Amino acid sequence: MEAIDLDALKKLDKTDQEKVNYFIGLLTKKSKYKNLKEEIQKRRNEIQKGETLDHEEMWKKLGV
């Protein structure tokens, strides 16, 4: 199976884009994506709160 090119999706008409979006939504609701979805939401929350590390802080945290 071949990966979907996002530019190809943009070429679809609105109705077909909605269909693809619907099926992607069904796939991402599967339990195997649950951990990934939670991790993404956790990172989004950290970014909104400004709880991110800059490069210097990351290197210090890693002891490099």
N, C-alpha and C. Protein backbone atom coordinates (compact mmCIF):
# COMPACT_ATOMS: atom_id res chain seq x y z
N MET A 1 0.85 -1.18 0.00
CA MET A 1 0.00 0.00 0.00
C MET A 1 0.89 1.24 0.00
N GLU A 2 0.48 2.23 -0.71
CA GLU A 2 1.27 3.46 -0.85
C GLU A 2 0.73 4.55 0.07
N ALA A 3 1.63 5.35 0.62
CA ALA A 3 1.23 6.47 1.47
C ALA A 3 0.52 7.52 0.63
N ILE A 4 -0.39 8.23 1.27
CA ILE A 4 -1.16 9.26 0.57
C ILE A 4 -0.37 10.56 0.54
N ASP A 5 -0.28 11.16 -0.62
CA ASP A 5 0.38 12.44 -0.78
C ASP A 5 -0.62 13.55 -0.45
N LEU A 6 -0.27 14.43 0.49
CA LEU A 6 -1.20 15.48 0.90
C LEU A 6 -1.57 16.40 -0.25
N ASP A 7 -0.65 16.61 -1.18
CA ASP A 7 -0.98 17.45 -2.33
C ASP A 7 -2.08 16.81 -3.18
N ALA A 8 -2.08 15.47 -3.24
CA ALA A 8 -3.12 14.77 -3.99
C ALA A 8 -4.48 14.98 -3.34
N LEU A 9 -4.50 15.01 -2.02
CA LEU A 9 -5.77 15.24 -1.32
C LEU A 9 -6.35 16.61 -1.62
N LYS A 10 -5.46 17.60 -1.76
CA LYS A 10 -5.92 18.96 -2.05
C LYS A 10 -6.57 19.05 -3.42
N LYS A 11 -6.24 18.12 -4.31
CA LYS A 11 -6.79 18.15 -5.67
C LYS A 11 -8.18 17.54 -5.74
N LEU A 12 -8.58 16.83 -4.70
CA LEU A 12 -9.92 16.23 -4.68
C LEU A 12 -10.97 17.31 -4.45
N ASP A 13 -12.18 17.03 -4.93
CA ASP A 13 -13.25 18.00 -4.66
C ASP A 13 -13.64 17.91 -3.18
N LYS A 14 -14.37 18.88 -2.71
CA LYS A 14 -14.69 19.00 -1.29
C LYS A 14 -15.39 17.76 -0.74
N THR A 15 -16.31 17.18 -1.49
CA THR A 15 -17.03 16.00 -1.04
C THR A 15 -16.08 14.82 -0.81
N ASP A 16 -15.16 14.61 -1.75
CA ASP A 16 -14.22 13.51 -1.61
C ASP A 16 -13.21 13.77 -0.49
N GLN A 17 -12.83 15.03 -0.30
CA GLN A 17 -11.94 15.37 0.82
C GLN A 17 -12.62 15.04 2.15
N GLU A 18 -13.91 15.32 2.25
CA GLU A 18 -14.66 15.02 3.47
C GLU A 18 -14.73 13.51 3.72
N LYS A 19 -14.88 12.73 2.65
CA LYS A 19 -14.91 11.27 2.78
C LYS A 19 -13.58 10.74 3.31
N VAL A 20 -12.49 11.24 2.73
CA VAL A 20 -11.15 10.81 3.17
C VAL A 20 -10.95 11.21 4.63
N ASN A 21 -11.33 12.42 4.98
CA ASN A 21 -11.21 12.90 6.35
C ASN A 21 -12.01 12.02 7.31
N TYR A 22 -13.19 11.61 6.90
CA TYR A 22 -14.04 10.74 7.73
C TYR A 22 -13.33 9.42 8.02
N PHE A 23 -12.78 8.79 6.99
CA PHE A 23 -12.13 7.50 7.18
C PHE A 23 -10.83 7.63 7.98
N ILE A 24 -10.11 8.72 7.80
CA ILE A 24 -8.92 8.95 8.62
C ILE A 24 -9.33 9.09 10.08
N GLY A 25 -10.43 9.77 10.31
CA GLY A 25 -10.95 9.91 11.68
C GLY A 25 -11.28 8.56 12.30
N LEU A 26 -11.90 7.67 11.51
CA LEU A 26 -12.21 6.34 12.02
C LEU A 26 -10.94 5.57 12.39
N LEU A 27 -9.93 5.67 11.54
CA LEU A 27 -8.67 4.96 11.81
C LEU A 27 -7.98 5.48 13.06
N THR A 28 -7.96 6.79 13.23
CA THR A 28 -7.25 7.36 14.37
C THR A 28 -7.98 7.11 15.69
N LYS A 29 -9.23 6.74 15.64
CA LYS A 29 -9.97 6.42 16.87
C LYS A 29 -9.67 5.01 17.35
N LYS A 30 -9.00 4.21 16.52
CA LYS A 30 -8.65 2.85 16.92
C LYS A 30 -7.71 2.88 18.12
N SER A 31 -7.77 1.84 18.91
CA SER A 31 -6.99 1.79 20.14
C SER A 31 -5.49 1.85 19.90
N LYS A 32 -5.01 1.36 18.75
CA LYS A 32 -3.56 1.37 18.52
C LYS A 32 -3.01 2.78 18.37
N TYR A 33 -3.85 3.76 18.12
CA TYR A 33 -3.41 5.14 18.01
C TYR A 33 -3.70 5.94 19.28
N LYS A 34 -4.30 5.31 20.27
CA LYS A 34 -4.70 6.00 21.49
C LYS A 34 -3.49 6.63 22.20
N ASN A 35 -2.41 5.86 22.37
CA ASN A 35 -1.23 6.38 23.05
C ASN A 35 -0.62 7.56 22.30
N LEU A 36 -0.56 7.45 20.98
CA LEU A 36 -0.02 8.54 20.17
C LEU A 36 -0.88 9.79 20.31
N LYS A 37 -2.19 9.60 20.27
CA LYS A 37 -3.11 10.73 20.39
C LYS A 37 -2.94 11.42 21.74
N GLU A 38 -2.80 10.63 22.81
CA GLU A 38 -2.61 11.19 24.14
C GLU A 38 -1.29 11.94 24.23
N GLU A 39 -0.24 11.40 23.63
CA GLU A 39 1.07 12.06 23.64
C GLU A 39 1.02 13.40 22.90
N ILE A 40 0.34 13.42 21.76
CA ILE A 40 0.20 14.66 20.99
C ILE A 40 -0.56 15.70 21.81
N GLN A 41 -1.64 15.30 22.45
CA GLN A 41 -2.42 16.24 23.27
C GLN A 41 -1.60 16.75 24.44
N LYS A 42 -0.81 15.87 25.05
CA LYS A 42 0.05 16.28 26.16
C LYS A 42 1.04 17.35 25.70
N ARG A 43 1.65 17.13 24.54
CA ARG A 43 2.61 18.10 24.00
C ARG A 43 1.93 19.42 23.66
N ARG A 44 0.72 19.36 23.10
CA ARG A 44 -0.02 20.59 22.79
C ARG A 44 -0.29 21.40 24.05
N ASN A 45 -0.68 20.70 25.12
CA ASN A 45 -0.95 21.38 26.39
C ASN A 45 0.32 22.03 26.94
N GLU A 46 1.46 21.33 26.84
CA GLU A 46 2.73 21.88 27.31
C GLU A 46 3.10 23.13 26.52
N ILE A 47 2.88 23.09 25.22
CA ILE A 47 3.21 24.24 24.37
C ILE A 47 2.32 25.43 24.73
N GLN A 48 1.03 25.18 24.94
CA GLN A 48 0.11 26.26 25.30
C GLN A 48 0.49 26.91 26.62
N LYS A 49 1.00 26.11 27.54
CA LYS A 49 1.40 26.63 28.85
C LYS A 49 2.82 27.20 28.83
N GLY A 50 3.52 27.04 27.71
CA GLY A 50 4.89 27.54 27.61
C GLY A 50 5.89 26.64 28.30
N GLU A 51 5.54 25.38 28.49
CA GLU A 51 6.40 24.44 29.19
C GLU A 51 7.29 23.66 28.22
N THR A 52 8.00 24.37 27.37
CA THR A 52 8.88 23.70 26.42
C THR A 52 10.33 24.04 26.74
N LEU A 53 11.23 23.18 26.31
CA LEU A 53 12.65 23.40 26.54
C LEU A 53 13.28 23.99 25.28
N ASP A 54 14.24 24.89 25.47
CA ASP A 54 15.00 25.34 24.31
C ASP A 54 16.20 24.39 24.15
N HIS A 55 16.98 24.59 23.11
CA HIS A 55 18.10 23.68 22.83
C HIS A 55 19.08 23.59 23.99
N GLU A 56 19.41 24.72 24.55
CA GLU A 56 20.37 24.75 25.65
C GLU A 56 19.87 23.95 26.85
N GLU A 57 18.59 24.12 27.18
CA GLU A 57 18.00 23.39 28.30
C GLU A 57 17.98 21.89 28.03
N MET A 58 17.72 21.50 26.79
CA MET A 58 17.70 20.07 26.44
C MET A 58 19.07 19.45 26.64
N TRP A 59 20.11 20.14 26.16
CA TRP A 59 21.47 19.60 26.29
C TRP A 59 21.88 19.49 27.76
N LYS A 60 21.50 20.48 28.56
CA LYS A 60 21.81 20.43 29.99
C LYS A 60 21.09 19.26 30.65
N LYS A 61 19.83 19.05 30.28
CA LYS A 61 19.05 17.98 30.85
C LYS A 61 19.65 16.60 30.49
N LEU A 62 20.21 16.52 29.28
CA LEU A 62 20.83 15.27 28.85
C LEU A 62 22.25 15.11 29.36
N GLY A 63 22.80 16.16 29.97
CA GLY A 63 24.15 16.11 30.51
C GLY A 63 25.24 16.16 29.45
N VAL A 64 24.96 16.81 28.37
CA VAL A 64 25.94 16.92 27.27
C VAL A 64 26.64 18.25 27.32
